[in-house]
Protein backbone atom coordinates (compact mmCIF):
# COMPACT_ATOMS: atom_id res chain seq x y z
CA MET A 1 84.43 -1.70 -93.42
CA SER A 2 81.10 0.02 -92.94
CA LEU A 3 80.50 2.89 -90.54
CA PRO A 4 78.48 0.94 -87.89
CA CYS A 5 81.24 -1.69 -87.72
CA VAL A 6 83.85 1.02 -87.06
CA HIS A 7 81.71 2.47 -84.26
CA THR A 8 81.39 -0.97 -82.67
CA CYS A 9 85.14 -1.59 -82.83
CA VAL A 10 85.90 1.85 -81.34
CA ARG A 11 83.41 1.29 -78.53
CA PHE A 12 84.88 -2.14 -77.77
CA ALA A 13 88.40 -0.72 -77.67
CA ALA A 14 87.31 2.12 -75.38
CA CYS A 15 85.61 -0.33 -72.98
CA LEU A 16 88.70 -2.53 -72.94
CA LEU A 17 90.93 0.47 -72.17
CA VAL A 18 88.66 1.58 -69.31
CA LEU A 19 88.70 -1.92 -67.81
CA LEU A 20 92.48 -2.12 -67.97
CA VAL A 21 92.93 1.30 -66.37
CA ALA A 22 90.45 0.43 -63.59
CA ALA A 23 92.00 -2.99 -62.90
CA VAL A 24 95.45 -1.62 -61.97
CA PRO A 25 94.30 0.40 -58.88
CA MET A 26 92.05 -2.48 -57.76
CA ALA A 27 94.95 -4.91 -57.78
CA ALA A 28 97.12 -2.44 -55.88
CA GLN A 29 94.34 -1.82 -53.36
CA GLU A 30 94.01 -5.51 -52.49
CA ASP A 31 97.69 -5.64 -51.54
CA GLU A 32 97.49 -2.47 -49.42
CA THR A 33 94.63 -3.61 -47.13
CA ASP A 34 96.98 -5.76 -45.07
CA SER A 35 99.49 -2.96 -44.59
CA LEU A 36 96.95 -0.21 -43.75
CA ASP A 37 96.74 1.01 -40.18
CA LEU A 38 92.94 1.06 -39.74
CA PRO A 39 91.14 2.29 -36.59
CA VAL A 40 89.11 -0.95 -36.55
CA SER A 41 90.21 -4.56 -36.38
CA LEU A 42 89.39 -6.53 -39.50
CA GLU A 43 89.87 -9.78 -37.57
CA ARG A 44 87.19 -8.77 -35.03
CA ILE A 45 84.80 -7.88 -37.83
CA ARG A 46 85.44 -11.23 -39.55
CA GLU A 47 84.97 -13.03 -36.22
CA GLN A 48 81.64 -11.31 -35.55
CA LEU A 49 80.44 -12.04 -39.09
CA SER A 50 81.40 -15.73 -38.78
CA ARG A 51 79.19 -16.18 -35.67
CA PRO A 52 75.65 -17.46 -36.29
CA PRO A 53 72.92 -14.84 -35.85
CA PRO A 54 71.13 -14.88 -32.47
CA THR A 55 67.91 -16.84 -32.17
CA LEU A 56 64.62 -15.13 -31.50
CA LEU A 57 64.77 -15.89 -27.78
CA GLN A 58 68.33 -14.61 -27.51
CA SER A 59 67.44 -11.38 -29.31
CA LEU A 60 64.75 -10.65 -26.70
CA ASP A 61 67.46 -10.25 -24.06
CA ILE A 62 69.46 -7.69 -26.05
CA GLN A 63 69.26 -4.25 -24.44
CA PRO A 64 68.88 -1.26 -26.77
CA ASP A 65 71.81 1.12 -27.15
CA PHE A 66 69.60 4.20 -26.85
CA SER A 67 66.01 5.23 -26.16
CA LEU A 68 63.89 8.06 -27.40
CA THR A 69 61.00 9.75 -25.63
CA ILE A 70 58.66 12.18 -27.35
CA GLU A 71 56.52 14.38 -25.17
CA GLU A 72 53.78 16.41 -26.77
CA GLU A 73 52.68 19.59 -25.09
CA GLN A 74 48.96 20.23 -25.37
CA PRO A 75 48.13 23.77 -26.49
CA ARG A 76 46.02 25.82 -24.14
CA PHE A 77 42.61 27.13 -25.15
CA VAL A 78 43.83 30.72 -25.25
CA GLU A 79 46.61 29.75 -27.65
CA MET A 80 44.23 27.91 -29.96
CA PHE A 81 41.54 30.62 -29.96
CA SER A 82 42.76 34.09 -29.22
CA PRO A 83 40.26 36.59 -27.75
CA GLU A 84 40.44 38.65 -30.96
CA ASP A 85 38.61 35.84 -32.78
CA PHE A 86 35.43 36.48 -30.76
CA ARG A 87 35.07 40.23 -31.23
CA GLY A 88 32.18 40.32 -33.66
CA GLY A 89 29.46 38.27 -35.25
CA PRO A 90 28.92 37.47 -38.90
CA ALA A 91 29.56 40.20 -41.45
CA PRO A 92 26.47 41.76 -43.00
CA PRO A 93 25.81 41.26 -46.73
CA GLY A 94 28.04 43.54 -48.79
CA GLY A 95 30.45 44.09 -45.91
CA VAL A 96 30.41 46.34 -42.86
CA TYR A 97 31.09 49.61 -44.68
CA ALA A 98 28.45 49.05 -47.37
CA TYR A 99 25.94 48.20 -44.65
CA GLU A 100 26.76 51.39 -42.72
CA ILE A 101 26.36 53.54 -45.85
CA ALA A 102 23.07 51.84 -46.73
CA ARG A 103 21.79 52.45 -43.19
CA MET A 104 22.16 56.21 -43.74
CA ILE A 105 19.80 56.08 -46.74
CA PRO A 106 16.21 56.98 -45.72
CA GLY A 107 13.85 53.99 -45.93
CA PHE A 108 16.61 51.38 -45.64
CA ARG A 109 15.49 48.01 -44.39
CA PRO A 110 18.08 45.37 -43.56
CA PRO A 111 17.71 42.18 -45.59
CA ILE A 112 15.94 39.34 -43.84
CA GLY A 113 17.64 36.57 -45.78
CA GLY A 114 20.29 36.43 -48.46
CA LEU A 115 19.81 35.09 -51.96
CA ASN A 116 22.89 33.85 -53.75
CA LEU A 117 22.30 34.91 -57.35
CA LEU A 118 25.71 33.64 -58.46
CA ALA A 119 24.82 30.04 -57.59
CA LEU A 120 21.48 30.43 -59.34
CA GLY A 121 23.22 31.76 -62.45
CA ASP A 122 25.76 28.93 -62.37
CA GLY A 123 22.91 26.41 -62.23
CA ILE A 124 21.16 27.96 -65.23
CA VAL A 125 24.38 28.07 -67.26
CA GLY A 126 25.10 24.43 -66.35
CA ALA A 127 21.61 23.33 -67.45
CA ILE A 128 21.97 25.14 -70.79
CA SER A 129 25.41 23.59 -71.36
CA SER A 130 24.08 20.10 -70.57
CA ALA A 131 21.16 20.55 -72.98
CA ARG A 132 23.48 21.72 -75.77
CA ARG A 133 25.83 18.79 -75.18
CA ARG A 134 22.93 16.29 -75.20
CA ARG A 135 21.61 17.77 -78.47
CA ALA A 136 25.07 17.57 -80.08
CA GLU A 137 25.51 13.93 -78.95
CA ASP A 138 22.09 12.98 -80.36
CA ALA A 139 22.92 14.66 -83.68
CA ALA A 140 26.26 12.81 -83.86
CA ARG A 141 24.55 9.45 -83.17
CA LEU A 142 21.96 10.14 -85.89
CA GLU A 143 24.69 11.05 -88.40
CA VAL A 144 26.64 7.86 -87.66
CA ARG A 145 23.49 5.73 -87.96
CA ARG A 146 22.64 7.33 -91.35
CA ALA A 147 26.17 6.75 -92.63
CA LEU A 148 26.01 3.12 -91.48
CA MET A 149 22.66 2.61 -93.23
CA GLU A 150 24.05 4.08 -96.46
CA PHE A 151 27.07 1.76 -96.20
CA CYS A 152 24.87 -1.28 -95.60
CA ALA A 153 22.56 -0.36 -98.50
CA ALA A 154 25.57 -0.18 -100.84
CA GLN A 155 26.68 -3.73 -99.92
CA PRO A 156 25.46 -6.86 -101.69
CA ASN A 157 22.22 -8.29 -100.19
CA GLY A 158 21.75 -5.01 -98.29
CA GLY A 159 24.68 -5.83 -95.97
CA ALA A 160 23.21 -9.12 -94.74
CA GLY A 161 25.72 -10.90 -92.50
CA ILE A 162 27.78 -7.75 -91.81
CA HIS A 163 27.97 -6.81 -88.15
CA GLY A 164 26.18 -3.52 -87.58
CA CYS A 165 23.95 -3.72 -90.64
CA GLU A 166 21.22 -5.47 -88.61
CA ALA A 167 20.73 -2.30 -86.51
CA ALA A 168 17.31 -0.82 -85.94
CA PRO A 169 16.11 1.68 -88.54
CA LEU A 170 16.34 5.43 -87.96
CA ARG A 171 13.99 7.02 -85.48
């Protein structure tokens, strides 16, 4: 006997043993249901299950066993926006403390408008990255086209009838 056959036989025997062990309590349980003292009546349950389900019109007359009411309390304005939220206006560029220190310097003029140099720098970096990517893609296309032309030139009849060999010449 080979090793896989032994494993199959052992598995089959184990499954058979499990089924036999599980069948004994099930058989005993079926006999005990009649003698159990249950808090519910099995006959009443069987009787209710044997009745046909109510029609749609009959089910409209059924009163619910419970009801549920949800009442939402609207928050007041003071709870939504506390008075502390309205103490000051917008913060000056650089923060309040940097602005106060700069005010002490002779000849200080507050800025009229702000210029976000970080966004400007991000835009420049993005444009450079896009240009580099475009240049690399063009170089890769040119290399593939050259390799395809060399392949087609090496084929009989210059690659006539081969898909891709009819491509336009290099630019």
